[in-house]
Structures are given as structure tokens and as C-alpha cells.
């Protein structure tokens, strides 16, 4: 009962946070600006969005192949259709609760491919680690390509607001002393109660994830097709970039933007999705802020953000539900033949 309430709270919290971000942006707009956003929606060329969704499906299919390559060194050979359906259901589950998708897709392979959940989860943790490293590399590439525009963003939207709040504090030095005291206190508590902490459920779960991660790393070192693994790792992110940039062509105001703008939206949009579950509310705002650096009006940028977010979200919902229907049907059919 407590777990159900906690999950319900998480869903309500992230949904509420997303709605708050939507309200935060919209309440400062004039009626003309709101009309401009809706007009952009109506005038968009949705064929380009359809092309973007096809590229998105290809990226998820490529991820399924890469996951299969990670699993094979452990002595298992899951069917590609099951890994793909599991990945799509995992994305769908992640829209409800953070990290639920990772557990869900491992559970699917455990049921239909007889792969132990802990081993499958180890490869997923490894895969997420690789994605994080790739995101950091893409961030650096974007930084050097758009260093002049990001400098404007940093000065105007980060430093100024930070210093405004910082200067309002009468004795800012107390912040550092409090942070140092709190850090020291946490370290002392961990040392003093390390034995009790090591027997808690949270510690055991964390240890299990770490062990699974190292098992996943072992499979990474034993991959039978390293070329294809690297190929799919690169293709996934190239597809992400293209599925973002292609949507720019759907609006006249953004159709002249290059891949550099797409890269900025991809990087910072991904960070927004990590910070807020599914990126609801905050993703369109981030897109608007990024495109403003490329001289795109705020309303047009916000409309583009909603076109990107809505297309990707609807694709995951549709593909996830379809995968849930097909998964038992295809496996029942294969067992029967």
C-alpha cells in the first residue's frame, strides 16, 4: 500500500511540475503571442514530423541491436523482436515513473528469453553509462561549435539571475560554512553507522546495481562484434540529431536552421528530460531558449518545442501500447509452431 502511494505521489509530482512549467511560460504571454503559437501549430508541415518519427523508430531499433550485442557475451541470444518490443515498452513505462522502464524491459527478457533479471539489468546500467558518456561528449562538441551563442546564454540567463539572488543574501559566507558542516556531518554519520547502513535495503539495492554494472562491463569487453557495437552507438545519437533537426523544416521560421541548432536543442533538451520526468513542460521552454540564440522569436521556438515533444511522446505511447499487444501474441505464436 505504501509503495502504491509513493508511486502515485511520484506521478502526481512530476505531472504537477510539468504543468507548473507550462503555466510559468504561458502566463506572461500576451493574447497575440498565444495566438502566434497556435497559428504555428496549425501551419506546421506534419510530413516532416512523420519523417522524424520514422528516424526515431530506427534509433530505437538500433538501440535494441546494441543491447542484444551486450547480452550475447553472457551466453544468451535473445530474439531481436523481443529486445525491440522490450525497449519500446521500457520507454513507455518510463513516462509513468523514473527508471521503471529499465526494470520492465529486463523483466520482459527474463520472462520470454529466460535471461536472469540481474544480468539483464547489468547490461542496461552499462548501456545507460555509455549514453551518459556519449551525452557528455556531444555536449563538448556542441560547446565548441556554438561557444559564442552559449556564452550569451550563460551570461544572460545563468550568471545574471544567480548573482541577483546571491547579492540579496546579507551574509553569503554562511552558505559555505553550512555546506561544509553538512558534508562533514553526513560523512561522520556514514562512518559511525556503516554497519547498520550496509544491512539496509537501499544499500543492498545499490550494491546489486554496482555489481550488475561491473558484470555489464565484462560483457562489454567480450563483445563478439565490436565494429557493429560502435556503429550502433554512433548511429543512435546521429539519429537523435536528425530526428530533431528534421522537425525544424516543418515551420517556415525555423526551416533555415542548421545542424548546429539541432545539436543545441538535442543536448539541452536531453538534460531537461533527465531532470524532469519525460521533459513535460520544461522541454518546450528549453527549446525556445536555445532557438532564441539563433534569432528565433520566443513564440516560434516554444511552438517548435511542443512539436518536438508532442511527436516524440505520441510515438512512444503508440509504439509502447502496440508492443504490449504484440509481445505475448508473437511469443505465443512462436511457441506454438
C-alpha atoms as a PDB file:
ATOM      1  CA  UNK A   1       0.000   0.000   0.000  1.00  0.00           C
ATOM      2  CA  UNK A   2       2.826   2.391   0.915  1.00  0.00           C
ATOM      3  CA  UNK A   3       4.633   1.588  -2.358  1.00  0.00           C
ATOM      4  CA  UNK A   4       1.458   2.292  -4.346  1.00  0.00           C
ATOM      5  CA  UNK A   5       1.027   5.639  -2.599  1.00  0.00           C
ATOM      6  CA  UNK A   6       4.680   6.513  -3.222  1.00  0.00           C
ATOM      7  CA  UNK A   7       4.368   5.696  -6.933  1.00  0.00           C
ATOM      8  CA  UNK A   8       1.148   7.711  -7.144  1.00  0.00           C
ATOM      9  CA  UNK A   9       2.909  10.645  -5.451  1.00  0.00           C
ATOM     10  CA  UNK A  10       5.777  10.476  -7.961  1.00  0.00           C
ATOM     11  CA  UNK A  11       3.375  10.549 -10.914  1.00  0.00           C
ATOM     12  CA  UNK A  12       1.402  13.476  -9.458  1.00  0.00           C
ATOM     13  CA  UNK A  13       4.597  15.328  -8.517  1.00  0.00           C
ATOM     14  CA  UNK A  14       6.204  15.165 -11.970  1.00  0.00           C
ATOM     15  CA  UNK A  15       2.907  15.883 -13.717  1.00  0.00           C
ATOM     16  CA  UNK A  16       2.328  18.861 -11.437  1.00  0.00           C
ATOM     17  CA  UNK A  17       5.866  20.104 -12.030  1.00  0.00           C
ATOM     18  CA  UNK A  18       5.338  19.896 -15.783  1.00  0.00           C
ATOM     19  CA  UNK A  19       2.050  21.792 -15.572  1.00  0.00           C
ATOM     20  CA  UNK A  20       3.782  24.432 -13.443  1.00  0.00           C
ATOM     21  CA  UNK A  21       6.439  24.998 -16.130  1.00  0.00           C
ATOM     22  CA  UNK A  22       3.731  25.290 -18.796  1.00  0.00           C
ATOM     23  CA  UNK A  23       1.879  27.871 -16.687  1.00  0.00           C
ATOM     24  CA  UNK A  24       5.121  29.714 -15.896  1.00  0.00           C
ATOM     25  CA  UNK A  25       5.796  30.307 -19.579  1.00  0.00           C
ATOM     26  CA  UNK A  26       2.249  30.884 -20.782  1.00  0.00           C
ATOM     27  CA  UNK A  27       1.022  33.320 -18.123  1.00  0.00           C
ATOM     28  CA  UNK A  28       3.494  36.027 -19.235  1.00  0.00           C
ATOM     29  CA  UNK A  29       2.416  35.856 -22.882  1.00  0.00           C
ATOM     30  CA  UNK A  30       0.040  38.318 -24.455  1.00  0.00           C
ATOM     31  CA  UNK A  31      -3.045  37.093 -26.312  1.00  0.00           C
ATOM     32  CA  UNK A  32      -1.275  37.894 -29.623  1.00  0.00           C
ATOM     33  CA  UNK A  33       1.710  35.751 -28.645  1.00  0.00           C
ATOM     34  CA  UNK A  34      -0.537  32.846 -27.634  1.00  0.00           C
ATOM     35  CA  UNK A  35      -2.347  33.160 -30.974  1.00  0.00           C
ATOM     36  CA  UNK A  36       1.041  33.092 -32.734  1.00  0.00           C
ATOM     37  CA  UNK A  37       1.920  29.793 -31.035  1.00  0.00           C
ATOM     38  CA  UNK A  38      -1.367  28.132 -32.014  1.00  0.00           C
ATOM     39  CA  UNK A  39      -1.072  29.502 -35.569  1.00  0.00           C
ATOM     40  CA  UNK A  40       2.368  27.913 -35.839  1.00  0.00           C
ATOM     41  CA  UNK A  41       0.854  24.591 -34.791  1.00  0.00           C
ATOM     42  CA  UNK A  42      -1.859  24.836 -37.435  1.00  0.00           C
ATOM     43  CA  UNK A  43       0.529  25.885 -40.180  1.00  0.00           C
ATOM     44  CA  UNK A  44       3.184  23.230 -39.494  1.00  0.00           C
ATOM     45  CA  UNK A  45       4.081  20.710 -42.194  1.00  0.00           C
ATOM     46  CA  UNK A  46       3.405  17.445 -40.365  1.00  0.00           C
ATOM     47  CA  UNK A  47       5.028  15.327 -43.071  1.00  0.00           C
ATOM     48  CA  UNK A  48       8.427  16.376 -41.717  1.00  0.00           C
ATOM     49  CA  UNK A  49       7.313  15.362 -38.238  1.00  0.00           C
ATOM     50  CA  UNK A  50       6.297  11.953 -39.632  1.00  0.00           C
ATOM     51  CA  UNK A  51       9.789  11.576 -41.132  1.00  0.00           C
ATOM     52  CA  UNK A  52      11.247  12.478 -37.730  1.00  0.00           C
ATOM     53  CA  UNK A  53       9.201   9.743 -36.048  1.00  0.00           C
ATOM     54  CA  UNK A  54      10.443   7.143 -38.566  1.00  0.00           C
ATOM     55  CA  UNK A  55      14.029   8.147 -37.762  1.00  0.00           C
ATOM     56  CA  UNK A  56      13.152   7.871 -34.065  1.00  0.00           C
ATOM     57  CA  UNK A  57      11.902   4.301 -34.536  1.00  0.00           C
ATOM     58  CA  UNK A  58      15.148   3.467 -36.371  1.00  0.00           C
ATOM     59  CA  UNK A  59      17.173   4.816 -33.441  1.00  0.00           C
ATOM     60  CA  UNK A  60      15.214   2.623 -31.010  1.00  0.00           C
ATOM     61  CA  UNK A  61      15.681  -0.399 -33.296  1.00  0.00           C
ATOM     62  CA  UNK A  62      19.417   0.328 -33.372  1.00  0.00           C
ATOM     63  CA  UNK A  63      19.401   0.511 -29.555  1.00  0.00           C
ATOM     64  CA  UNK A  64      17.745  -2.917 -29.453  1.00  0.00           C
ATOM     65  CA  UNK A  65      20.508  -4.387 -31.617  1.00  0.00           C
ATOM     66  CA  UNK A  66      23.176  -2.821 -29.399  1.00  0.00           C
ATOM     67  CA  UNK A  67      21.500  -4.214 -26.283  1.00  0.00           C
ATOM     68  CA  UNK A  68      21.432  -7.669 -27.883  1.00  0.00           C
ATOM     69  CA  UNK A  69      25.166  -7.375 -28.603  1.00  0.00           C
ATOM     70  CA  UNK A  70      25.749  -6.567 -24.907  1.00  0.00           C
ATOM     71  CA  UNK A  71      23.765  -9.594 -23.739  1.00  0.00           C
ATOM     72  CA  UNK A  72      25.306 -12.190 -26.082  1.00  0.00           C
ATOM     73  CA  UNK A  73      28.732 -12.459 -24.296  1.00  0.00           C
ATOM     74  CA  UNK A  74      26.889 -13.730 -21.191  1.00  0.00           C
ATOM     75  CA  UNK A  75      25.792 -16.820 -23.147  1.00  0.00           C
ATOM     76  CA  UNK A  76      22.269 -15.685 -24.158  1.00  0.00           C
ATOM     77  CA  UNK A  77      20.908 -14.998 -27.622  1.00  0.00           C
ATOM     78  CA  UNK A  78      17.601 -13.121 -27.266  1.00  0.00           C
ATOM     79  CA  UNK A  79      15.414 -12.679 -30.333  1.00  0.00           C
ATOM     80  CA  UNK A  80      15.738  -9.211 -31.814  1.00  0.00           C
ATOM     81  CA  UNK A  81      11.982  -8.695 -31.973  1.00  0.00           C
ATOM     82  CA  UNK A  82      11.723  -9.299 -28.225  1.00  0.00           C
ATOM     83  CA  UNK A  83      14.548  -6.896 -27.416  1.00  0.00           C
ATOM     84  CA  UNK A  84      12.952  -4.236 -29.632  1.00  0.00           C
ATOM     85  CA  UNK A  85       9.483  -4.680 -28.120  1.00  0.00           C
ATOM     86  CA  UNK A  86      11.020  -4.666 -24.628  1.00  0.00           C
ATOM     87  CA  UNK A  87      12.858  -1.401 -25.364  1.00  0.00           C
ATOM     88  CA  UNK A  88       9.669   0.284 -26.619  1.00  0.00           C
ATOM     89  CA  UNK A  89       7.658  -0.910 -23.608  1.00  0.00           C
ATOM     90  CA  UNK A  90      10.501   0.322 -21.387  1.00  0.00           C
ATOM     91  CA  UNK A  91      10.306   3.811 -22.874  1.00  0.00           C
ATOM     92  CA  UNK A  92       6.540   3.773 -22.365  1.00  0.00           C
ATOM     93  CA  UNK A  93       6.912   2.683 -18.731  1.00  0.00           C
ATOM     94  CA  UNK A  94       9.482   5.430 -18.090  1.00  0.00           C
ATOM     95  CA  UNK A  95       6.812   8.009 -18.879  1.00  0.00           C
ATOM     96  CA  UNK A  96       4.952   6.899 -15.753  1.00  0.00           C
ATOM     97  CA  UNK A  97       7.822   6.520 -13.271  1.00  0.00           C
ATOM     98  CA  UNK A  98      11.565   7.225 -13.412  1.00  0.00           C
ATOM     99  CA  UNK A  99      13.688   4.118 -14.085  1.00  0.00           C
ATOM    100  CA  UNK A 100      10.591   1.873 -14.269  1.00  0.00           C
ATOM    101  CA  UNK A 101      11.343   1.220 -17.930  1.00  0.00           C
ATOM    102  CA  UNK A 102      14.765  -0.300 -17.218  1.00  0.00           C
ATOM    103  CA  UNK A 103      13.274  -2.813 -14.779  1.00  0.00           C
ATOM    104  CA  UNK A 104      10.324  -3.503 -17.091  1.00  0.00           C
ATOM    105  CA  UNK A 105      12.362  -4.369 -20.163  1.00  0.00           C
ATOM    106  CA  UNK A 106      14.653  -6.632 -18.113  1.00  0.00           C
ATOM    107  CA  UNK A 107      11.571  -8.382 -16.736  1.00  0.00           C
ATOM    108  CA  UNK A 108      10.305  -8.948 -20.275  1.00  0.00           C
ATOM    109  CA  UNK A 109      13.545 -10.635 -21.351  1.00  0.00           C
ATOM    110  CA  UNK A 110      13.506 -12.682 -18.159  1.00  0.00           C
ATOM    111  CA  UNK A 111      10.037 -13.953 -18.979  1.00  0.00           C
ATOM    112  CA  UNK A 112      10.321 -14.519 -22.716  1.00  0.00           C
ATOM    113  CA  UNK A 113      14.057 -15.221 -23.147  1.00  0.00           C
ATOM    114  CA  UNK A 114      14.860 -16.776 -19.733  1.00  0.00           C
ATOM    115  CA  UNK A 115      17.606 -14.236 -19.010  1.00  0.00           C
ATOM    116  CA  UNK A 116      18.117 -13.548 -15.257  1.00  0.00           C
ATOM    117  CA  UNK A 117      16.923 -10.046 -14.380  1.00  0.00           C
ATOM    118  CA  UNK A 118      20.148  -9.155 -12.556  1.00  0.00           C
ATOM    119  CA  UNK A 119      22.281  -9.989 -15.608  1.00  0.00           C
ATOM    120  CA  UNK A 120      19.965  -8.157 -17.995  1.00  0.00           C
ATOM    121  CA  UNK A 121      19.843  -5.171 -15.644  1.00  0.00           C
ATOM    122  CA  UNK A 122      23.642  -5.088 -15.532  1.00  0.00           C
ATOM    123  CA  UNK A 123      23.737  -4.584 -19.311  1.00  0.00           C
ATOM    124  CA  UNK A 124      21.088  -1.848 -19.072  1.00  0.00           C
ATOM    125  CA  UNK A 125      23.110   0.003 -16.408  1.00  0.00           C
ATOM    126  CA  UNK A 126      26.183  -0.308 -18.649  1.00  0.00           C
ATOM    127  CA  UNK A 127      24.165   0.972 -21.596  1.00  0.00           C
ATOM    128  CA  UNK A 128      22.946   3.971 -19.589  1.00  0.00           C
ATOM    129  CA  UNK A 129      26.527   4.663 -18.532  1.00  0.00           C
ATOM    130  CA  UNK A 130      27.596   4.678 -22.188  1.00  0.00           C
ATOM    131  CA  UNK A 131      24.724   7.038 -23.017  1.00  0.00           C
ATOM    132  CA  UNK A 132      25.814   9.402 -20.257  1.00  0.00           C
ATOM    133  CA  UNK A 133      29.408   9.408 -21.540  1.00  0.00           C
ATOM    134  CA  UNK A 134      28.146   9.982 -25.097  1.00  0.00           C
ATOM    135  CA  UNK A 135      25.918  12.846 -23.931  1.00  0.00           C
ATOM    136  CA  UNK A 136      28.942  14.464 -22.259  1.00  0.00           C
ATOM    137  CA  UNK A 137      30.976  14.110 -25.479  1.00  0.00           C
ATOM    138  CA  UNK A 138      28.116  15.539 -27.551  1.00  0.00           C
ATOM    139  CA  UNK A 139      27.826  18.377 -25.029  1.00  0.00           C
ATOM    140  CA  UNK A 140      31.530  19.204 -25.519  1.00  0.00           C
ATOM    141  CA  UNK A 141      31.152  19.088 -29.308  1.00  0.00           C
ATOM    142  CA  UNK A 142      28.164  21.393 -29.070  1.00  0.00           C
ATOM    143  CA  UNK A 143      30.090  23.685 -26.719  1.00  0.00           C
ATOM    144  CA  UNK A 144      32.937  24.185 -29.202  1.00  0.00           C
ATOM    145  CA  UNK A 145      30.623  24.538 -32.212  1.00  0.00           C
ATOM    146  CA  UNK A 146      28.291  27.052 -30.535  1.00  0.00           C
ATOM    147  CA  UNK A 147      30.691  28.581 -27.991  1.00  0.00           C
ATOM    148  CA  UNK A 148      29.737  32.153 -28.934  1.00  0.00           C
ATOM    149  CA  UNK A 149      25.999  31.546 -28.595  1.00  0.00           C
ATOM    150  CA  UNK A 150      26.321  29.532 -25.372  1.00  0.00           C
ATOM    151  CA  UNK A 151      28.377  32.346 -23.863  1.00  0.00           C
ATOM    152  CA  UNK A 152      25.434  34.690 -24.440  1.00  0.00           C
ATOM    153  CA  UNK A 153      23.079  32.151 -22.855  1.00  0.00           C
ATOM    154  CA  UNK A 154      25.365  31.757 -19.842  1.00  0.00           C
ATOM    155  CA  UNK A 155      25.783  35.483 -19.257  1.00  0.00           C
ATOM    156  CA  UNK A 156      22.161  36.477 -19.799  1.00  0.00           C
ATOM    157  CA  UNK A 157      20.227  33.599 -18.255  1.00  0.00           C
ATOM    158  CA  UNK A 158      22.501  31.973 -15.683  1.00  0.00           C
ATOM    159  CA  UNK A 159      25.054  34.371 -14.224  1.00  0.00           C
ATOM    160  CA  UNK A 160      22.838  37.453 -14.018  1.00  0.00           C
ATOM    161  CA  UNK A 161      19.985  35.623 -12.280  1.00  0.00           C
ATOM    162  CA  UNK A 162      22.382  33.782  -9.967  1.00  0.00           C
ATOM    163  CA  UNK A 163      24.175  36.947  -8.875  1.00  0.00           C
ATOM    164  CA  UNK A 164      20.886  38.796  -8.403  1.00  0.00           C
ATOM    165  CA  UNK A 165      19.792  36.150  -5.888  1.00  0.00           C
ATOM    166  CA  UNK A 166      23.268  35.833  -4.363  1.00  0.00           C
ATOM    167  CA  UNK A 167      23.563  39.594  -3.713  1.00  0.00           C
ATOM    168  CA  UNK A 168      20.268  39.584  -1.832  1.00  0.00           C
ATOM    169  CA  UNK A 169      21.801  37.387   0.872  1.00  0.00           C
ATOM    170  CA  UNK A 170      23.122  39.520   3.743  1.00  0.00           C
ATOM    171  CA  UNK A 171      25.901  37.118   4.831  1.00  0.00           C
ATOM    172  CA  UNK A 172      26.704  34.792   1.883  1.00  0.00           C
ATOM    173  CA  UNK A 173      29.751  33.374   3.712  1.00  0.00           C
ATOM    174  CA  UNK A 174      27.423  31.407   5.978  1.00  0.00           C
ATOM    175  CA  UNK A 175      26.364  29.319   2.986  1.00  0.00           C
ATOM    176  CA  UNK A 176      29.874  27.870   2.619  1.00  0.00           C
ATOM    177  CA  UNK A 177      30.211  27.150   6.344  1.00  0.00           C
ATOM    178  CA  UNK A 178      26.809  25.461   6.412  1.00  0.00           C
ATOM    179  CA  UNK A 179      27.648  23.355   3.335  1.00  0.00           C
ATOM    180  CA  UNK A 180      30.970  22.285   4.890  1.00  0.00           C
ATOM    181  CA  UNK A 181      29.265  21.426   8.204  1.00  0.00           C
ATOM    182  CA  UNK A 182      26.526  19.426   6.481  1.00  0.00           C
ATOM    183  CA  UNK A 183      29.059  17.492   4.364  1.00  0.00           C
ATOM    184  CA  UNK A 184      31.148  16.652   7.429  1.00  0.00           C
ATOM    185  CA  UNK A 185      28.077  15.572   9.377  1.00  0.00           C
ATOM    186  CA  UNK A 186      26.971  13.205   6.597  1.00  0.00           C
ATOM    187  CA  UNK A 187      30.461  11.652   6.425  1.00  0.00           C
ATOM    188  CA  UNK A 188      30.555  11.142  10.226  1.00  0.00           C
ATOM    189  CA  UNK A 189      27.097   9.518  10.218  1.00  0.00           C
ATOM    190  CA  UNK A 190      28.112   7.164   7.421  1.00  0.00           C
ATOM    191  CA  UNK A 191      31.300   6.144   9.282  1.00  0.00           C
ATOM    192  CA  UNK A 192      29.553   5.772  12.645  1.00  0.00           C
ATOM    193  CA  UNK A 193      26.629   3.727  11.342  1.00  0.00           C
ATOM    194  CA  UNK A 194      28.346   1.976   8.431  1.00  0.00           C
ATOM    195  CA  UNK A 195      27.462  -1.493   9.751  1.00  0.00           C
ATOM    196  CA  UNK A 196      23.736  -0.697  10.043  1.00  0.00           C
ATOM    197  CA  UNK A 197      23.770   1.096   6.676  1.00  0.00           C
ATOM    198  CA  UNK A 198      25.297  -1.970   4.994  1.00  0.00           C
ATOM    199  CA  UNK A 199      22.263  -4.027   6.074  1.00  0.00           C
ATOM    200  CA  UNK A 200      19.608  -1.643   4.788  1.00  0.00           C
ATOM    201  CA  UNK A 201      17.527  -2.454   1.716  1.00  0.00           C
ATOM    202  CA  UNK A 202      18.702   0.722  -0.045  1.00  0.00           C
ATOM    203  CA  UNK A 203      22.368  -0.218   0.407  1.00  0.00           C
ATOM    204  CA  UNK A 204      21.749  -3.774  -0.841  1.00  0.00           C
ATOM    205  CA  UNK A 205      19.923  -2.446  -3.900  1.00  0.00           C
ATOM    206  CA  UNK A 206      22.737  -0.015  -4.620  1.00  0.00           C
ATOM    207  CA  UNK A 207      25.332  -2.795  -4.214  1.00  0.00           C
ATOM    208  CA  UNK A 208      23.322  -5.034  -6.544  1.00  0.00           C
ATOM    209  CA  UNK A 209      23.265  -2.296  -9.193  1.00  0.00           C
ATOM    210  CA  UNK A 210      27.039  -1.746  -8.877  1.00  0.00           C
ATOM    211  CA  UNK A 211      27.710  -5.487  -9.201  1.00  0.00           C
ATOM    212  CA  UNK A 212      25.394  -5.636 -12.197  1.00  0.00           C
ATOM    213  CA  UNK A 213      27.214  -2.684 -13.739  1.00  0.00           C
ATOM    214  CA  UNK A 214      30.582  -4.447 -13.469  1.00  0.00           C
ATOM    215  CA  UNK A 215      29.057  -7.596 -14.941  1.00  0.00           C
ATOM    216  CA  UNK A 216      27.807  -5.456 -17.799  1.00  0.00           C
ATOM    217  CA  UNK A 217      31.322  -4.049 -18.242  1.00  0.00           C
ATOM    218  CA  UNK A 218      32.660  -7.593 -18.518  1.00  0.00           C
ATOM    219  CA  UNK A 219      30.204  -8.258 -21.342  1.00  0.00           C
ATOM    220  CA  UNK A 220      31.375  -5.012 -22.975  1.00  0.00           C
ATOM    221  CA  UNK A 221      34.941  -6.334 -23.055  1.00  0.00           C
ATOM    222  CA  UNK A 222      33.796  -9.636 -24.579  1.00  0.00           C
ATOM    223  CA  UNK A 223      31.540  -8.300 -27.351  1.00  0.00           C
ATOM    224  CA  UNK A 224      31.741 -10.548 -30.395  1.00  0.00           C
ATOM    225  CA  UNK A 225      31.024  -7.779 -32.935  1.00  0.00           C
ATOM    226  CA  UNK A 226      32.818  -4.650 -31.657  1.00  0.00           C
ATOM    227  CA  UNK A 227      32.515  -2.832 -35.007  1.00  0.00           C
ATOM    228  CA  UNK A 228      28.716  -3.135 -35.040  1.00  0.00           C
ATOM    229  CA  UNK A 229      28.534  -2.168 -31.386  1.00  0.00           C
ATOM    230  CA  UNK A 230      30.434   1.076 -32.086  1.00  0.00           C
ATOM    231  CA  UNK A 231      28.405   1.635 -35.263  1.00  0.00           C
ATOM    232  CA  UNK A 232      25.079   1.414 -33.430  1.00  0.00           C
ATOM    233  CA  UNK A 233      26.364   3.551 -30.534  1.00  0.00           C
ATOM    234  CA  UNK A 234      27.153   6.330 -33.032  1.00  0.00           C
ATOM    235  CA  UNK A 235      24.045   5.765 -35.166  1.00  0.00           C
ATOM    236  CA  UNK A 236      21.701   6.119 -32.179  1.00  0.00           C
ATOM    237  CA  UNK A 237      22.886   9.656 -31.470  1.00  0.00           C
ATOM    238  CA  UNK A 238      23.124  10.659 -35.128  1.00  0.00           C
ATOM    239  CA  UNK A 239      19.508   9.547 -35.479  1.00  0.00           C
ATOM    240  CA  UNK A 240      18.587  11.598 -32.398  1.00  0.00           C
ATOM    241  CA  UNK A 241      20.188  14.627 -34.040  1.00  0.00           C
ATOM    242  CA  UNK A 242      18.450  14.090 -37.361  1.00  0.00           C
ATOM    243  CA  UNK A 243      15.028  13.457 -35.829  1.00  0.00           C
ATOM    244  CA  UNK A 244      15.392  16.798 -34.012  1.00  0.00           C
ATOM    245  CA  UNK A 245      16.685  18.808 -36.968  1.00  0.00           C
ATOM    246  CA  UNK A 246      14.138  17.397 -39.450  1.00  0.00           C
ATOM    247  CA  UNK A 247      11.278  18.896 -37.428  1.00  0.00           C
ATOM    248  CA  UNK A 248      12.780  22.365 -37.948  1.00  0.00           C
ATOM    249  CA  UNK A 249      11.705  22.044 -41.594  1.00  0.00           C
ATOM    250  CA  UNK A 250       8.053  21.893 -40.544  1.00  0.00           C
ATOM    251  CA  UNK A 251       7.917  25.639 -39.732  1.00  0.00           C
ATOM    252  CA  UNK A 252       8.959  28.437 -42.128  1.00  0.00           C
ATOM    253  CA  UNK A 253      10.576  30.380 -39.269  1.00  0.00           C
ATOM    254  CA  UNK A 254      12.930  27.502 -38.357  1.00  0.00           C
ATOM    255  CA  UNK A 255      13.417  25.843 -41.759  1.00  0.00           C
ATOM    256  CA  UNK A 256      16.710  27.686 -42.372  1.00  0.00           C
ATOM    257  CA  UNK A 257      18.357  26.437 -39.175  1.00  0.00           C
ATOM    258  CA  UNK A 258      21.353  24.130 -39.483  1.00  0.00           C
ATOM    259  CA  UNK A 259      22.522  21.048 -37.620  1.00  0.00           C
ATOM    260  CA  UNK A 260      24.297  23.261 -35.068  1.00  0.00           C
ATOM    261  CA  UNK A 261      20.909  24.462 -33.811  1.00  0.00           C
ATOM    262  CA  UNK A 262      19.652  20.873 -33.802  1.00  0.00           C
ATOM    263  CA  UNK A 263      22.664  19.825 -31.733  1.00  0.00           C
ATOM    264  CA  UNK A 264      21.994  22.524 -29.118  1.00  0.00           C
ATOM    265  CA  UNK A 265      18.346  21.506 -28.832  1.00  0.00           C
ATOM    266  CA  UNK A 266      19.294  17.819 -28.613  1.00  0.00           C
ATOM    267  CA  UNK A 267      21.875  18.330 -25.843  1.00  0.00           C
ATOM    268  CA  UNK A 268      19.942  20.693 -23.597  1.00  0.00           C
ATOM    269  CA  UNK A 269      16.612  19.011 -24.349  1.00  0.00           C
ATOM    270  CA  UNK A 270      18.097  15.680 -23.229  1.00  0.00           C
ATOM    271  CA  UNK A 271      19.229  17.287 -19.972  1.00  0.00           C
ATOM    272  CA  UNK A 272      15.699  18.613 -19.463  1.00  0.00           C
ATOM    273  CA  UNK A 273      14.219  15.157 -19.996  1.00  0.00           C
ATOM    274  CA  UNK A 274      16.658  13.727 -17.424  1.00  0.00           C
ATOM    275  CA  UNK A 275      15.839  16.416 -14.844  1.00  0.00           C
ATOM    276  CA  UNK A 276      12.035  16.391 -15.269  1.00  0.00           C
ATOM    277  CA  UNK A 277      10.239  13.113 -15.942  1.00  0.00           C
ATOM    278  CA  UNK A 278       9.589  12.915 -19.680  1.00  0.00           C
ATOM    279  CA  UNK A 279      10.548  16.578 -20.075  1.00  0.00           C
ATOM    280  CA  UNK A 280       6.902  17.623 -19.699  1.00  0.00           C
ATOM    281  CA  UNK A 281       6.546  21.386 -19.569  1.00  0.00           C
ATOM    282  CA  UNK A 282      10.262  22.158 -19.389  1.00  0.00           C
ATOM    283  CA  UNK A 283      11.313  20.665 -22.760  1.00  0.00           C
ATOM    284  CA  UNK A 284       9.426  23.232 -24.925  1.00  0.00           C
ATOM    285  CA  UNK A 285      10.805  26.038 -22.730  1.00  0.00           C
ATOM    286  CA  UNK A 286      14.389  24.774 -23.177  1.00  0.00           C
ATOM    287  CA  UNK A 287      13.890  24.543 -26.954  1.00  0.00           C
ATOM    288  CA  UNK A 288      12.577  28.123 -27.006  1.00  0.00           C
ATOM    289  CA  UNK A 289      15.630  29.321 -25.030  1.00  0.00           C
ATOM    290  CA  UNK A 290      18.059  27.508 -27.323  1.00  0.00           C
ATOM    291  CA  UNK A 291      16.428  28.712 -30.542  1.00  0.00           C
ATOM    292  CA  UNK A 292      16.396  32.278 -29.212  1.00  0.00           C
ATOM    293  CA  UNK A 293      20.203  32.134 -29.535  1.00  0.00           C
ATOM    294  CA  UNK A 294      19.659  31.505 -33.248  1.00  0.00           C
ATOM    295  CA  UNK A 295      17.388  34.581 -33.506  1.00  0.00           C
ATOM    296  CA  UNK A 296      14.125  32.619 -33.499  1.00  0.00           C
ATOM    297  CA  UNK A 297      11.277  34.522 -31.744  1.00  0.00           C
ATOM    298  CA  UNK A 298      10.206  33.045 -28.399  1.00  0.00           C
ATOM    299  CA  UNK A 299       6.713  32.065 -29.559  1.00  0.00           C
ATOM    300  CA  UNK A 300       8.058  30.250 -32.630  1.00  0.00           C
ATOM    301  CA  UNK A 301      10.684  28.488 -30.526  1.00  0.00           C
ATOM    302  CA  UNK A 302       8.074  27.450 -27.969  1.00  0.00           C
ATOM    303  CA  UNK A 303       5.814  26.102 -30.722  1.00  0.00           C
ATOM    304  CA  UNK A 304       8.759  24.142 -32.129  1.00  0.00           C
ATOM    305  CA  UNK A 305       9.434  22.736 -28.655  1.00  0.00           C
ATOM    306  CA  UNK A 306       5.873  21.488 -28.404  1.00  0.00           C
ATOM    307  CA  UNK A 307       6.008  19.976 -31.897  1.00  0.00           C
ATOM    308  CA  UNK A 308       9.195  18.080 -30.975  1.00  0.00           C
ATOM    309  CA  UNK A 309       7.959  16.958 -27.573  1.00  0.00           C
ATOM    310  CA  UNK A 310       4.443  16.005 -28.725  1.00  0.00           C
ATOM    311  CA  UNK A 311       5.694  13.994 -31.696  1.00  0.00           C
ATOM    312  CA  UNK A 312       8.228  12.020 -29.657  1.00  0.00           C
ATOM    313  CA  UNK A 313       5.798  11.457 -26.781  1.00  0.00           C
ATOM    314  CA  UNK A 314       2.939  10.269 -29.009  1.00  0.00           C
ATOM    315  CA  UNK A 315       5.337   7.933 -30.829  1.00  0.00           C
ATOM    316  CA  UNK A 316       6.445   6.345 -27.534  1.00  0.00           C
ATOM    317  CA  UNK A 317       2.846   5.984 -26.320  1.00  0.00           C
ATOM    318  CA  UNK A 318       1.644   4.422 -29.578  1.00  0.00           C
ATOM    319  CA  UNK A 319       4.690   2.155 -30.035  1.00  0.00           C
ATOM    320  CA  UNK A 320       4.640   1.156 -26.353  1.00  0.00           C
ATOM    321  CA  UNK A 321       0.967   0.127 -26.370  1.00  0.00           C
ATOM    322  CA  UNK A 322       1.364  -1.687 -29.702  1.00  0.00           C
ATOM    323  CA  UNK A 323       4.423  -3.531 -28.353  1.00  0.00           C
ATOM    324  CA  UNK A 324       2.476  -4.619 -25.262  1.00  0.00           C
ATOM    325  CA  UNK A 325      -0.180  -6.110 -27.561  1.00  0.00           C
ATOM    326  CA  UNK A 326       2.271  -7.771 -29.960  1.00  0.00           C
ATOM    327  CA  UNK A 327       4.690  -9.200 -27.380  1.00  0.00           C
ATOM    328  CA  UNK A 328       2.514 -12.013 -25.935  1.00  0.00           C
ATOM    329  CA  UNK A 329       0.887 -12.675 -29.318  1.00  0.00           C
ATOM    330  CA  UNK A 330       4.175 -13.133 -31.206  1.00  0.00           C
ATOM    331  CA  UNK A 331       5.715 -15.265 -28.471  1.00  0.00           C
ATOM    332  CA  UNK A 332       2.612 -17.438 -28.123  1.00  0.00           C
ATOM    333  CA  UNK A 333       2.661 -17.961 -31.882  1.00  0.00           C
ATOM    334  CA  UNK A 334       6.365 -18.875 -31.884  1.00  0.00           C
ATOM    335  CA  UNK A 335       5.905 -21.359 -29.026  1.00  0.00           C
ATOM    336  CA  UNK A 336       3.002 -22.949 -30.814  1.00  0.00           C
ATOM    337  CA  UNK A 337       4.877 -23.591 -34.063  1.00  0.00           C
END
